[in-house]
Amino acid sequence: GMKYMKWVDKDWGGKDVQDHVEGLKMLEKDPRVDSKRRGVVGRSYGGYMTLTLASRHPELWKAAIDMFGPYDLPTWVSRIPPTWQTYFKLSLGDPVEDRDFLVERSPKTYMNHLAAPLMIIQGKNDPRVPEPESAQLVSDLRKDGVNIDYLVYEDEGHDVLRFKNRVHCYNTITEFFRQHLGN
């Protein structure tokens, strides 16, 4: 219900991360799950969660794919459209008053711990997570010598909707996981 939906408000990177890690521990008990071949992928908030999990719990993942996920929460909040700023001030935090919290919960703060190969997928015309957000992540990691796959769709926004792009995107995702997790 609504209580569960609001559970993560003002706690991005808190209980939600614990929930994912605990869920993964439960999956490890299932004999059908190969714990040596774990990958994580997410889109939008799920992309944020992918970056957070891959950087704060690098021991858990062999590959990670972020699709349109916020990387640096203080700069991301400053880049979102003005019509959304009130919502994110209430659900995430105030960019001025809660700056320390936003920095602490940003994947950017922990990316130096990243161990898994990473792919970033982004739409050039994304109004929700503007392309400079992902470009900054890629630039920061490449400066540190990290090999990163960066896939930008010039004619997409906050999703991959065009059929040709969608086929290409999901074939690329499949190949990335095949390469890093095995068949």
Protein backbone atom coordinates (compact mmCIF):
# COMPACT_ATOMS: atom_id res chain seq x y z
CA GLY A 1 0.00 0.00 0.00
CA MET A 2 0.90 3.65 0.34
CA LYS A 3 3.05 3.06 3.44
CA TYR A 4 5.25 0.65 1.49
CA MET A 5 5.40 3.04 -1.48
CA LYS A 6 6.55 5.86 0.81
CA TRP A 7 9.03 3.63 2.68
CA VAL A 8 11.98 4.96 0.69
CA ASP A 9 11.05 8.65 0.94
CA LYS A 10 13.98 10.63 2.34
CA ASP A 11 15.92 7.35 2.60
CA TRP A 12 17.22 6.60 -0.90
CA GLY A 13 20.22 4.34 -0.46
CA GLY A 14 19.13 3.23 3.03
CA LYS A 15 16.48 0.61 3.74
CA ASP A 16 16.06 0.01 0.01
CA VAL A 17 19.69 -1.13 -0.28
CA GLN A 18 19.30 -3.35 2.78
CA ASP A 19 16.18 -4.86 1.21
CA HIS A 20 18.08 -5.77 -1.97
CA VAL A 21 21.05 -7.23 -0.08
CA GLU A 22 18.80 -9.29 2.20
CA GLY A 23 16.81 -10.49 -0.81
CA LEU A 24 20.03 -11.59 -2.46
CA LYS A 25 21.02 -13.51 0.67
CA MET A 26 17.71 -15.37 0.48
CA LEU A 27 18.32 -16.21 -3.18
CA GLU A 28 21.73 -17.65 -2.31
CA LYS A 29 19.93 -20.37 -0.37
CA ASP A 30 18.14 -21.50 -3.54
CA PRO A 31 20.20 -24.28 -5.18
CA ARG A 32 19.00 -23.15 -8.63
CA VAL A 33 20.81 -19.83 -8.25
CA ASP A 34 24.48 -19.63 -9.25
CA SER A 35 25.89 -17.08 -6.79
CA LYS A 36 29.09 -16.77 -8.79
CA ARG A 37 27.22 -15.29 -11.77
CA ARG A 38 25.28 -12.35 -10.36
CA GLY A 39 24.48 -9.30 -12.40
CA VAL A 40 22.39 -6.26 -11.57
CA VAL A 41 20.45 -4.03 -13.94
CA GLY A 42 17.97 -1.24 -13.33
CA ARG A 43 16.25 1.64 -15.06
CA SER A 44 15.62 5.15 -13.67
CA TYR A 45 15.42 4.76 -9.85
CA GLY A 46 16.45 1.16 -10.55
CA GLY A 47 19.51 2.57 -12.34
CA TYR A 48 20.31 4.57 -9.21
CA MET A 49 19.91 1.37 -7.20
CA THR A 50 22.15 -0.53 -9.63
CA LEU A 51 24.91 2.07 -9.26
CA THR A 52 24.44 2.10 -5.48
CA LEU A 53 24.55 -1.69 -5.14
CA ALA A 54 27.51 -2.08 -7.51
CA SER A 55 29.54 0.58 -5.69
CA ARG A 56 28.56 -0.02 -2.05
CA HIS A 57 28.41 -3.83 -2.29
CA PRO A 58 30.98 -4.62 -5.01
CA GLU A 59 31.57 -8.11 -3.64
CA LEU A 60 28.07 -9.15 -4.72
CA TRP A 61 28.22 -8.45 -8.48
CA LYS A 62 30.06 -9.68 -11.56
CA ALA A 63 28.42 -7.17 -13.93
CA ALA A 64 26.15 -4.13 -13.67
CA ILE A 65 24.02 -2.14 -16.12
CA ASP A 66 22.60 1.29 -15.29
CA MET A 67 19.82 2.59 -17.51
CA PHE A 68 19.00 6.29 -17.00
CA GLY A 69 19.94 6.28 -13.30
CA PRO A 70 20.92 9.32 -11.22
CA TYR A 71 24.61 9.26 -10.27
CA ASP A 72 25.30 12.45 -8.30
CA LEU A 73 22.17 13.34 -6.32
CA PRO A 74 23.00 17.01 -5.57
CA THR A 75 23.72 17.81 -9.23
CA TRP A 76 20.87 15.63 -10.46
CA VAL A 77 18.35 17.47 -8.27
CA SER A 78 19.65 20.76 -9.67
CA ARG A 79 19.20 19.51 -13.27
CA ILE A 80 15.65 18.17 -13.06
CA PRO A 81 12.80 20.28 -14.45
CA PRO A 82 11.50 22.94 -12.04
CA THR A 83 8.06 21.28 -12.04
CA TRP A 84 9.56 18.20 -10.34
CA GLN A 85 11.71 19.96 -7.75
CA THR A 86 8.99 20.15 -5.10
CA TYR A 87 8.30 16.42 -5.35
CA PHE A 88 11.97 15.48 -5.06
CA LYS A 89 12.51 17.95 -2.22
CA LEU A 90 9.83 16.01 -0.31
CA SER A 91 10.78 12.50 -1.42
CA LEU A 92 14.57 12.76 -1.59
CA GLY A 93 15.71 15.90 0.20
CA ASP A 94 16.36 19.59 -0.15
CA PRO A 95 19.41 20.24 -2.34
CA VAL A 96 20.69 22.91 0.08
CA GLU A 97 19.51 21.79 3.53
CA ASP A 98 20.09 18.07 2.90
CA ARG A 99 23.24 18.37 0.77
CA ASP A 100 25.40 16.22 3.09
CA PHE A 101 22.76 13.48 3.06
CA LEU A 102 22.48 13.64 -0.74
CA VAL A 103 26.26 13.35 -1.09
CA GLU A 104 26.34 10.43 1.35
CA ARG A 105 23.61 8.59 -0.59
CA SER A 106 25.00 9.34 -4.06
CA PRO A 107 26.55 6.48 -6.03
CA LYS A 108 29.27 8.99 -7.00
CA THR A 109 30.58 8.89 -3.43
CA TYR A 110 31.31 5.14 -3.65
CA MET A 111 32.21 4.53 -7.29
CA ASN A 112 35.87 4.11 -6.36
CA HIS A 113 34.79 0.75 -4.88
CA LEU A 114 33.26 -0.47 -8.15
CA ALA A 115 34.66 -3.89 -9.08
CA ALA A 116 32.21 -5.22 -11.68
CA PRO A 117 32.22 -4.31 -15.37
CA LEU A 118 29.69 -1.53 -15.89
CA MET A 119 27.52 -0.49 -18.81
CA ILE A 120 25.66 2.82 -18.86
CA ILE A 121 22.64 3.27 -21.15
CA GLN A 122 21.25 6.76 -21.68
CA GLY A 123 18.87 8.69 -23.91
CA LYS A 124 20.31 11.94 -25.25
CA ASN A 125 16.94 13.69 -24.80
CA ASP A 126 16.16 12.42 -21.29
CA PRO A 127 14.30 15.11 -19.31
CA ARG A 128 14.30 13.11 -16.04
CA VAL A 129 17.94 12.07 -15.83
CA PRO A 130 19.59 14.48 -18.26
CA GLU A 131 22.37 13.00 -20.38
CA PRO A 132 25.10 15.13 -18.71
CA GLU A 133 24.45 13.10 -15.53
CA SER A 134 25.51 9.85 -17.22
CA ALA A 135 28.25 11.57 -19.22
CA GLN A 136 29.77 12.81 -15.94
CA LEU A 137 29.73 9.29 -14.50
CA VAL A 138 31.46 7.91 -17.58
CA SER A 139 34.01 10.75 -17.57
CA ASP A 140 34.76 10.31 -13.86
CA LEU A 141 35.28 6.57 -14.19
CA ARG A 142 37.39 6.82 -17.34
CA LYS A 143 39.63 9.40 -15.61
CA ASP A 144 40.21 6.71 -12.97
CA GLY A 145 41.12 4.20 -15.68
CA VAL A 146 37.89 2.22 -15.45
CA ASN A 147 36.81 0.53 -18.67
CA ILE A 148 33.13 1.33 -19.06
CA ASP A 149 30.63 0.66 -21.84
CA TYR A 150 28.57 3.75 -22.66
CA LEU A 151 25.56 3.48 -24.93
CA VAL A 152 23.75 6.73 -25.81
CA TYR A 153 20.65 6.78 -27.99
CA GLU A 154 20.51 10.14 -29.77
CA ASP A 155 16.77 9.87 -30.46
CA GLU A 156 15.55 8.57 -27.08
CA GLY A 157 14.52 10.12 -23.79
CA HIS A 158 14.04 8.35 -20.44
CA ASP A 159 13.53 4.95 -22.06
CA VAL A 160 14.39 3.05 -25.21
CA LEU A 161 11.11 3.10 -27.12
CA ARG A 162 11.93 3.02 -30.82
CA PHE A 163 11.79 -0.57 -32.05
CA LYS A 164 15.19 -0.53 -33.77
CA ASN A 165 16.82 0.99 -30.69
CA ARG A 166 15.04 -1.40 -28.34
CA VAL A 167 16.23 -4.46 -30.29
CA HIS A 168 19.78 -3.08 -30.33
CA CYS A 169 19.67 -2.17 -26.63
CA TYR A 170 18.43 -5.51 -25.35
CA ASN A 171 20.75 -7.47 -27.65
CA THR A 172 23.63 -5.38 -26.27
CA ILE A 173 22.50 -6.03 -22.68
CA THR A 174 22.26 -9.76 -23.37
CA GLU A 175 25.74 -9.82 -24.90
CA PHE A 176 27.22 -7.78 -22.02
CA PHE A 177 25.85 -10.21 -19.45
CA ARG A 178 26.87 -13.20 -21.56
CA GLN A 179 30.40 -11.82 -21.77
CA HIS A 180 30.72 -11.11 -18.05
CA LEU A 181 28.51 -13.80 -16.50
CA GLY A 182 28.91 -16.64 -19.00
CA ASN A 183 26.20 -18.54 -20.85
